[in-house]
Amino acid sequence: MLQATMADMRKSIDFFQTNEVISIINGRKKQELGYFVPTYFKTDFLNFLNELDKKKRLQNAIKAANAQKLDPISDASVGDGIE
């Protein structure tokens, strides 16, 4: 993986023609800002992001279901049908 600063991105036309993922850092503070993913990896990267999103939604649904199981139904309330 290559490293580049924001200034490198602005001044280099070759920056956007690479087939490698580039880690973008703040040149002054030496902090990581993010990544540049070239179009070469676009389909694989989008599939990866979709899988992450599905896993996140599934984990949230499992948390909600577990919380629902722990919530007792009292005499004055009506169940929602989730077993």
PDB file of N, CA and C in Angstrom:
ATOM      1  N   MET A   1       0.850  -1.171   0.000  1.00  0.00           N
ATOM      2  CA  MET A   1       0.000   0.000   0.000  1.00  0.00           C
ATOM      3  C   MET A   1       0.896   1.234   0.000  1.00  0.00           C
ATOM      4  N   LEU A   2       0.545   2.165  -0.824  1.00  0.00           N
ATOM      5  CA  LEU A   2       1.290   3.405  -0.927  1.00  0.00           C
ATOM      6  C   LEU A   2       0.753   4.429   0.063  1.00  0.00           C
ATOM      7  N   GLN A   3       1.595   5.398   0.412  1.00  0.00           N
ATOM      8  CA  GLN A   3       1.158   6.525   1.229  1.00  0.00           C
ATOM      9  C   GLN A   3       1.337   7.804   0.435  1.00  0.00           C
ATOM     10  N   ALA A   4       0.388   8.715   0.597  1.00  0.00           N
ATOM     11  CA  ALA A   4       0.456   9.997  -0.099  1.00  0.00           C
ATOM     12  C   ALA A   4      -0.211  11.053   0.767  1.00  0.00           C
ATOM     13  N   THR A   5       0.166  12.296   0.515  1.00  0.00           N
ATOM     14  CA  THR A   5      -0.455  13.417   1.211  1.00  0.00           C
ATOM     15  C   THR A   5      -1.492  14.054   0.283  1.00  0.00           C
ATOM     16  N   MET A   6      -2.279  14.942   0.827  1.00  0.00           N
ATOM     17  CA  MET A   6      -3.270  15.648   0.010  1.00  0.00           C
ATOM     18  C   MET A   6      -2.583  16.476  -1.069  1.00  0.00           C
ATOM     19  N   ALA A   7      -1.418  17.023  -0.760  1.00  0.00           N
ATOM     20  CA  ALA A   7      -0.672  17.793  -1.755  1.00  0.00           C
ATOM     21  C   ALA A   7      -0.246  16.904  -2.915  1.00  0.00           C
ATOM     22  N   ASP A   8       0.134  15.665  -2.617  1.00  0.00           N
ATOM     23  CA  ASP A   8       0.502  14.729  -3.679  1.00  0.00           C
ATOM     24  C   ASP A   8      -0.684  14.467  -4.600  1.00  0.00           C
ATOM     25  N   MET A   9      -1.868  14.405  -4.023  1.00  0.00           N
ATOM     26  CA  MET A   9      -3.065  14.172  -4.828  1.00  0.00           C
ATOM     27  C   MET A   9      -3.330  15.325  -5.787  1.00  0.00           C
ATOM     28  N   ARG A  10      -3.116  16.532  -5.321  1.00  0.00           N
ATOM     29  CA  ARG A  10      -3.413  17.700  -6.145  1.00  0.00           C
ATOM     30  C   ARG A  10      -2.425  17.889  -7.283  1.00  0.00           C
ATOM     31  N   LYS A  11      -1.173  17.549  -7.064  1.00  0.00           N
ATOM     32  CA  LYS A  11      -0.164  17.886  -8.070  1.00  0.00           C
ATOM     33  C   LYS A  11       0.173  16.748  -9.032  1.00  0.00           C
ATOM     34  N   SER A  12      -0.281  15.542  -8.766  1.00  0.00           N
ATOM     35  CA  SER A  12       0.118  14.415  -9.594  1.00  0.00           C
ATOM     36  C   SER A  12      -1.049  13.861 -10.389  1.00  0.00           C
ATOM     37  N   ILE A  13      -0.901  13.833 -11.710  1.00  0.00           N
ATOM     38  CA  ILE A  13      -1.938  13.239 -12.548  1.00  0.00           C
ATOM     39  C   ILE A  13      -1.837  11.717 -12.514  1.00  0.00           C
ATOM     40  N   ASP A  14      -0.661  11.188 -12.211  1.00  0.00           N
ATOM     41  CA  ASP A  14      -0.469   9.734 -12.125  1.00  0.00           C
ATOM     42  C   ASP A  14      -1.117   9.139 -10.886  1.00  0.00           C
ATOM     43  N   PHE A  15      -1.437   9.974  -9.935  1.00  0.00           N
ATOM     44  CA  PHE A  15      -2.038   9.515  -8.681  1.00  0.00           C
ATOM     45  C   PHE A  15      -3.319   8.732  -8.937  1.00  0.00           C
ATOM     46  N   PHE A  16      -4.134   9.176  -9.863  1.00  0.00           N
ATOM     47  CA  PHE A  16      -5.421   8.555 -10.119  1.00  0.00           C
ATOM     48  C   PHE A  16      -5.340   7.426 -11.143  1.00  0.00           C
ATOM     49  N   GLN A  17      -4.156   7.148 -11.659  1.00  0.00           N
ATOM     50  CA  GLN A  17      -3.997   6.086 -12.649  1.00  0.00           C
ATOM     51  C   GLN A  17      -3.284   4.872 -12.068  1.00  0.00           C
ATOM     52  N   THR A  18      -3.278   4.725 -10.774  1.00  0.00           N
ATOM     53  CA  THR A  18      -2.612   3.607 -10.119  1.00  0.00           C
ATOM     54  C   THR A  18      -3.573   2.450  -9.916  1.00  0.00           C
ATOM     55  N   ASN A  19      -3.026   1.264  -9.726  1.00  0.00           N
ATOM     56  CA  ASN A  19      -3.834   0.083  -9.424  1.00  0.00           C
ATOM     57  C   ASN A  19      -3.611  -0.377  -7.995  1.00  0.00           C
ATOM     58  N   GLU A  20      -3.134   0.514  -7.141  1.00  0.00           N
ATOM     59  CA  GLU A  20      -2.896   0.182  -5.748  1.00  0.00           C
ATOM     60  C   GLU A  20      -3.737   1.083  -4.848  1.00  0.00           C
ATOM     61  N   VAL A  21      -4.112   0.548  -3.697  1.00  0.00           N
ATOM     62  CA  VAL A  21      -4.827   1.340  -2.704  1.00  0.00           C
ATOM     63  C   VAL A  21      -3.810   2.279  -2.057  1.00  0.00           C
ATOM     64  N   ILE A  22      -4.191   3.534  -1.907  1.00  0.00           N
ATOM     65  CA  ILE A  22      -3.279   4.545  -1.369  1.00  0.00           C
ATOM     66  C   ILE A  22      -3.825   5.069  -0.047  1.00  0.00           C
ATOM     67  N   SER A  23      -2.979   5.054   0.962  1.00  0.00           N
ATOM     68  CA  SER A  23      -3.328   5.616   2.262  1.00  0.00           C
ATOM     69  C   SER A  23      -3.037   7.112   2.208  1.00  0.00           C
ATOM     70  N   ILE A  24      -4.043   7.923   2.468  1.00  0.00           N
ATOM     71  CA  ILE A  24      -3.895   9.377   2.397  1.00  0.00           C
ATOM     72  C   ILE A  24      -3.663   9.899   3.807  1.00  0.00           C
ATOM     73  N   ILE A  25      -2.584  10.642   3.985  1.00  0.00           N
ATOM     74  CA  ILE A  25      -2.237  11.189   5.291  1.00  0.00           C
ATOM     75  C   ILE A  25      -2.169  12.696   5.232  1.00  0.00           C
ATOM     76  N   ASN A  26      -2.359  13.318   6.385  1.00  0.00           N
ATOM     77  CA  ASN A  26      -2.198  14.759   6.524  1.00  0.00           C
ATOM     78  C   ASN A  26      -0.696  15.013   6.658  1.00  0.00           C
ATOM     79  N   GLY A  27      -0.117  15.744   5.728  1.00  0.00           N
ATOM     80  CA  GLY A  27       1.317  15.958   5.708  1.00  0.00           C
ATOM     81  C   GLY A  27       1.847  16.698   6.917  1.00  0.00           C
ATOM     82  N   ARG A  28       1.084  17.591   7.480  1.00  0.00           N
ATOM     83  CA  ARG A  28       1.551  18.375   8.621  1.00  0.00           C
ATOM     84  C   ARG A  28       1.421  17.619   9.935  1.00  0.00           C
ATOM     85  N   LYS A  29       0.278  16.994  10.143  1.00  0.00           N
ATOM     86  CA  LYS A  29       0.010  16.341  11.429  1.00  0.00           C
ATOM     87  C   LYS A  29       0.354  14.854  11.425  1.00  0.00           C
ATOM     88  N   LYS A  30       0.666  14.310  10.257  1.00  0.00           N
ATOM     89  CA  LYS A  30       0.979  12.888  10.099  1.00  0.00           C
ATOM     90  C   LYS A  30      -0.164  12.005  10.595  1.00  0.00           C
ATOM     91  N   GLN A  31      -1.399  12.441  10.350  1.00  0.00           N
ATOM     92  CA  GLN A  31      -2.581  11.664  10.718  1.00  0.00           C
ATOM     93  C   GLN A  31      -3.178  11.055   9.457  1.00  0.00           C
ATOM     94  N   GLU A  32      -3.705   9.851   9.605  1.00  0.00           N
ATOM     95  CA  GLU A  32      -4.320   9.192   8.475  1.00  0.00           C
ATOM     96  C   GLU A  32      -5.699   9.800   8.215  1.00  0.00           C
ATOM     97  N   LEU A  33      -5.960  10.159   6.952  1.00  0.00           N
ATOM     98  CA  LEU A  33      -7.236  10.766   6.580  1.00  0.00           C
ATOM     99  C   LEU A  33      -8.186   9.751   5.953  1.00  0.00           C
ATOM    100  N   GLY A  34      -7.645   8.786   5.257  1.00  0.00           N
ATOM    101  CA  GLY A  34      -8.494   7.801   4.596  1.00  0.00           C
ATOM    102  C   GLY A  34      -7.727   7.065   3.531  1.00  0.00           C
ATOM    103  N   TYR A  35      -8.467   6.472   2.615  1.00  0.00           N
ATOM    104  CA  TYR A  35      -7.863   5.669   1.566  1.00  0.00           C
ATOM    105  C   TYR A  35      -8.412   6.067   0.213  1.00  0.00           C
ATOM    106  N   PHE A  36      -7.596   5.929  -0.792  1.00  0.00           N
ATOM    107  CA  PHE A  36      -8.015   6.090  -2.180  1.00  0.00           C
ATOM    108  C   PHE A  36      -8.060   4.700  -2.784  1.00  0.00           C
ATOM    109  N   VAL A  37      -9.248   4.293  -3.245  1.00  0.00           N
ATOM    110  CA  VAL A  37      -9.416   2.982  -3.867  1.00  0.00           C
ATOM    111  C   VAL A  37      -9.617   3.213  -5.360  1.00  0.00           C
ATOM    112  N   PRO A  38      -8.708   2.709  -6.189  1.00  0.00           N
ATOM    113  CA  PRO A  38      -8.818   2.944  -7.635  1.00  0.00           C
ATOM    114  C   PRO A  38      -9.992   2.186  -8.254  1.00  0.00           C
ATOM    115  N   THR A  39     -10.385   2.601  -9.446  1.00  0.00           N
ATOM    116  CA  THR A  39     -11.508   1.964 -10.131  1.00  0.00           C
ATOM    117  C   THR A  39     -11.225   0.509 -10.448  1.00  0.00           C
ATOM    118  N   TYR A  40      -9.974   0.116 -10.472  1.00  0.00           N
ATOM    119  CA  TYR A  40      -9.578  -1.272 -10.697  1.00  0.00           C
ATOM    120  C   TYR A  40     -10.208  -2.194  -9.647  1.00  0.00           C
ATOM    121  N   PHE A  41     -10.363  -1.704  -8.409  1.00  0.00           N
ATOM    122  CA  PHE A  41     -10.934  -2.485  -7.312  1.00  0.00           C
ATOM    123  C   PHE A  41     -12.390  -2.133  -7.013  1.00  0.00           C
ATOM    124  N   LYS A  42     -13.025  -1.362  -7.863  1.00  0.00           N
ATOM    125  CA  LYS A  42     -14.353  -0.838  -7.570  1.00  0.00           C
ATOM    126  C   LYS A  42     -15.372  -1.932  -7.258  1.00  0.00           C
ATOM    127  N   THR A  43     -15.513  -2.934  -8.112  1.00  0.00           N
ATOM    128  CA  THR A  43     -16.537  -3.957  -7.897  1.00  0.00           C
ATOM    129  C   THR A  43     -16.243  -4.778  -6.642  1.00  0.00           C
ATOM    130  N   ASP A  44     -14.990  -5.162  -6.447  1.00  0.00           N
ATOM    131  CA  ASP A  44     -14.638  -5.931  -5.247  1.00  0.00           C
ATOM    132  C   ASP A  44     -14.857  -5.114  -3.986  1.00  0.00           C
ATOM    133  N   PHE A  45     -14.503  -3.840  -4.038  1.00  0.00           N
ATOM    134  CA  PHE A  45     -14.640  -2.985  -2.858  1.00  0.00           C
ATOM    135  C   PHE A  45     -16.109  -2.728  -2.539  1.00  0.00           C
ATOM    136  N   LEU A  46     -16.940  -2.524  -3.547  1.00  0.00           N
ATOM    137  CA  LEU A  46     -18.368  -2.328  -3.307  1.00  0.00           C
ATOM    138  C   LEU A  46     -19.003  -3.584  -2.732  1.00  0.00           C
ATOM    139  N   ASN A  47     -18.594  -4.761  -3.219  1.00  0.00           N
ATOM    140  CA  ASN A  47     -19.096  -6.014  -2.647  1.00  0.00           C
ATOM    141  C   ASN A  47     -18.685  -6.141  -1.186  1.00  0.00           C
ATOM    142  N   PHE A  48     -17.455  -5.761  -0.871  1.00  0.00           N
ATOM    143  CA  PHE A  48     -16.960  -5.787   0.507  1.00  0.00           C
ATOM    144  C   PHE A  48     -17.778  -4.857   1.397  1.00  0.00           C
ATOM    145  N   LEU A  49     -18.050  -3.645   0.917  1.00  0.00           N
ATOM    146  CA  LEU A  49     -18.845  -2.690   1.692  1.00  0.00           C
ATOM    147  C   LEU A  49     -20.271  -3.192   1.899  1.00  0.00           C
ATOM    148  N   ASN A  50     -20.853  -3.826   0.887  1.00  0.00           N
ATOM    149  CA  ASN A  50     -22.203  -4.375   1.025  1.00  0.00           C
ATOM    150  C   ASN A  50     -22.240  -5.494   2.060  1.00  0.00           C
ATOM    151  N   GLU A  51     -21.218  -6.347   2.071  1.00  0.00           N
ATOM    152  CA  GLU A  51     -21.147  -7.422   3.065  1.00  0.00           C
ATOM    153  C   GLU A  51     -21.029  -6.845   4.479  1.00  0.00           C
ATOM    154  N   LEU A  52     -20.208  -5.801   4.638  1.00  0.00           N
ATOM    155  CA  LEU A  52     -20.087  -5.155   5.947  1.00  0.00           C
ATOM    156  C   LEU A  52     -21.424  -4.572   6.394  1.00  0.00           C
ATOM    157  N   ASP A  53     -22.128  -3.958   5.474  1.00  0.00           N
ATOM    158  CA  ASP A  53     -23.425  -3.367   5.794  1.00  0.00           C
ATOM    159  C   ASP A  53     -24.431  -4.440   6.201  1.00  0.00           C
ATOM    160  N   LYS A  54     -24.436  -5.568   5.489  1.00  0.00           N
ATOM    161  CA  LYS A  54     -25.343  -6.661   5.830  1.00  0.00           C
ATOM    162  C   LYS A  54     -25.033  -7.212   7.216  1.00  0.00           C
ATOM    163  N   LYS A  55     -23.751  -7.392   7.523  1.00  0.00           N
ATOM    164  CA  LYS A  55     -23.365  -7.904   8.836  1.00  0.00           C
ATOM    165  C   LYS A  55     -23.775  -6.944   9.942  1.00  0.00           C
ATOM    166  N   LYS A  56     -23.615  -5.651   9.692  1.00  0.00           N
ATOM    167  CA  LYS A  56     -23.979  -4.642  10.685  1.00  0.00           C
ATOM    168  C   LYS A  56     -25.487  -4.658  10.939  1.00  0.00           C
ATOM    169  N   ARG A  57     -26.279  -4.731   9.862  1.00  0.00           N
ATOM    170  CA  ARG A  57     -27.733  -4.773  10.011  1.00  0.00           C
ATOM    171  C   ARG A  57     -28.180  -6.046  10.716  1.00  0.00           C
ATOM    172  N   LEU A  58     -27.535  -7.170  10.404  1.00  0.00           N
ATOM    173  CA  LEU A  58     -27.882  -8.431  11.050  1.00  0.00           C
ATOM    174  C   LEU A  58     -27.568  -8.386  12.542  1.00  0.00           C
ATOM    175  N   GLN A  59     -26.419  -7.824  12.899  1.00  0.00           N
ATOM    176  CA  GLN A  59     -26.064  -7.693  14.312  1.00  0.00           C
ATOM    177  C   GLN A  59     -27.059  -6.800  15.048  1.00  0.00           C
ATOM    178  N   ASN A  60     -27.483  -5.717  14.421  1.00  0.00           N
ATOM    179  CA  ASN A  60     -28.474  -4.839  15.047  1.00  0.00           C
ATOM    180  C   ASN A  60     -29.821  -5.545  15.205  1.00  0.00           C
ATOM    181  N   ALA A  61     -30.203  -6.349  14.223  1.00  0.00           N
ATOM    182  CA  ALA A  61     -31.459  -7.096  14.327  1.00  0.00           C
ATOM    183  C   ALA A  61     -31.380  -8.135  15.438  1.00  0.00           C
ATOM    184  N   ILE A  62     -30.234  -8.788  15.580  1.00  0.00           N
ATOM    185  CA  ILE A  62     -30.059  -9.776  16.653  1.00  0.00           C
ATOM    186  C   ILE A  62     -30.120  -9.093  18.016  1.00  0.00           C
ATOM    187  N   LYS A  63     -29.503  -7.931  18.141  1.00  0.00           N
ATOM    188  CA  LYS A  63     -29.568  -7.179  19.404  1.00  0.00           C
ATOM    189  C   LYS A  63     -31.013  -6.808  19.740  1.00  0.00           C
ATOM    190  N   ALA A  64     -31.749  -6.355  18.726  1.00  0.00           N
ATOM    191  CA  ALA A  64     -33.149  -5.971  18.950  1.00  0.00           C
ATOM    192  C   ALA A  64     -33.982  -7.191  19.348  1.00  0.00           C
ATOM    193  N   ALA A  65     -33.733  -8.326  18.705  1.00  0.00           N
ATOM    194  CA  ALA A  65     -34.481  -9.544  19.041  1.00  0.00           C
ATOM    195  C   ALA A  65     -34.150 -10.006  20.455  1.00  0.00           C
ATOM    196  N   ASN A  66     -32.892  -9.952  20.837  1.00  0.00           N
ATOM    197  CA  ASN A  66     -32.511 -10.350  22.193  1.00  0.00           C
ATOM    198  C   ASN A  66     -33.111  -9.412  23.237  1.00  0.00           C
ATOM    199  N   ALA A  67     -33.130  -8.117  22.932  1.00  0.00           N
ATOM    200  CA  ALA A  67     -33.738  -7.155  23.852  1.00  0.00           C
ATOM    201  C   ALA A  67     -35.231  -7.409  23.969  1.00  0.00           C
ATOM    202  N   GLN A  68     -35.859  -7.781  22.862  1.00  0.00           N
ATOM    203  CA  GLN A  68     -37.295  -8.071  22.872  1.00  0.00           C
ATOM    204  C   GLN A  68     -37.595  -9.302  23.726  1.00  0.00           C
ATOM    205  N   LYS A  69     -36.712 -10.297  23.664  1.00  0.00           N
ATOM    206  CA  LYS A  69     -36.897 -11.511  24.476  1.00  0.00           C
ATOM    207  C   LYS A  69     -36.827 -11.189  25.966  1.00  0.00           C
ATOM    208  N   LEU A  70     -35.955 -10.247  26.328  1.00  0.00           N
ATOM    209  CA  LEU A  70     -35.769  -9.890  27.732  1.00  0.00           C
ATOM    210  C   LEU A  70     -36.868  -8.985  28.270  1.00  0.00           C
ATOM    211  N   ASP A  71     -37.636  -8.375  27.372  1.00  0.00           N
ATOM    212  CA  ASP A  71     -38.705  -7.456  27.778  1.00  0.00           C
ATOM    213  C   ASP A  71     -39.951  -8.261  28.140  1.00  0.00           C
ATOM    214  N   PRO A  72     -40.294  -8.334  29.429  1.00  0.00           N
ATOM    215  CA  PRO A  72     -41.450  -9.144  29.816  1.00  0.00           C
ATOM    216  C   PRO A  72     -42.762  -8.471  29.410  1.00  0.00           C
ATOM    217  N   ILE A  73     -43.743  -9.307  29.123  1.00  0.00           N
ATOM    218  CA  ILE A  73     -45.073  -8.808  28.793  1.00  0.00           C
ATOM    219  C   ILE A  73     -45.892  -8.817  30.083  1.00  0.00           C
ATOM    220  N   SER A  74     -46.358  -7.648  30.466  1.00  0.00           N
ATOM    221  CA  SER A  74     -47.151  -7.566  31.706  1.00  0.00           C
ATOM    222  C   SER A  74     -48.627  -7.808  31.402  1.00  0.00           C
ATOM    223  N   ASP A  75     -49.438  -7.770  32.432  1.00  0.00           N
ATOM    224  CA  ASP A  75     -50.861  -8.062  32.282  1.00  0.00           C
ATOM    225  C   ASP A  75     -51.589  -7.035  31.413  1.00  0.00           C
ATOM    226  N   ALA A  76     -51.150  -5.793  31.441  1.00  0.00           N
ATOM    227  CA  ALA A  76     -51.869  -4.751  30.709  1.00  0.00           C
ATOM    228  C   ALA A  76     -51.341  -4.549  29.297  1.00  0.00           C
ATOM    229  N   SER A  77     -50.305  -5.267  28.904  1.00  0.00           N
ATOM    230  CA  SER A  77     -49.729  -5.048  27.575  1.00  0.00           C
ATOM    231  C   SER A  77     -50.107  -6.181  26.624  1.00  0.00           C
ATOM    232  N   VAL A  78     -49.886  -5.924  25.351  1.00  0.00           N
ATOM    233  CA  VAL A  78     -50.205  -6.890  24.294  1.00  0.00           C
ATOM    234  C   VAL A  78     -48.896  -7.334  23.644  1.00  0.00           C
ATOM    235  N   GLY A  79     -48.725  -8.598  23.417  1.00  0.00           N
ATOM    236  CA  GLY A  79     -47.527  -9.110  22.772  1.00  0.00           C
ATOM    237  C   GLY A  79     -47.495  -8.709  21.311  1.00  0.00           C
ATOM    238  N   ASP A  80     -46.288  -8.667  20.745  1.00  0.00           N
ATOM    239  CA  ASP A  80     -46.134  -8.285  19.347  1.00  0.00           C
ATOM    240  C   ASP A  80     -46.018  -9.486  18.417  1.00  0.00           C
ATOM    241  N   GLY A  81     -46.047 -10.686  18.968  1.00  0.00           N
ATOM    242  CA  GLY A  81     -45.993 -11.882  18.138  1.00  0.00           C
ATOM    243  C   GLY A  81     -44.600 -12.395  17.871  1.00  0.00           C
ATOM    244  N   ILE A  82     -43.592 -11.720  18.378  1.00  0.00           N
ATOM    245  CA  ILE A  82     -42.207 -12.170  18.186  1.00  0.00           C
ATOM    246  C   ILE A  82     -41.917 -13.220  19.240  1.00  0.00           C
ATOM    247  N   GLU A  83     -41.519 -14.377  18.789  1.00  0.00           N
ATOM    248  CA  GLU A  83     -41.199 -15.467  19.721  1.00  0.00           C
ATOM    249  C   GLU A  83     -39.712 -15.741  19.716  1.00  0.00           C
TER     250      GLU A  83
END
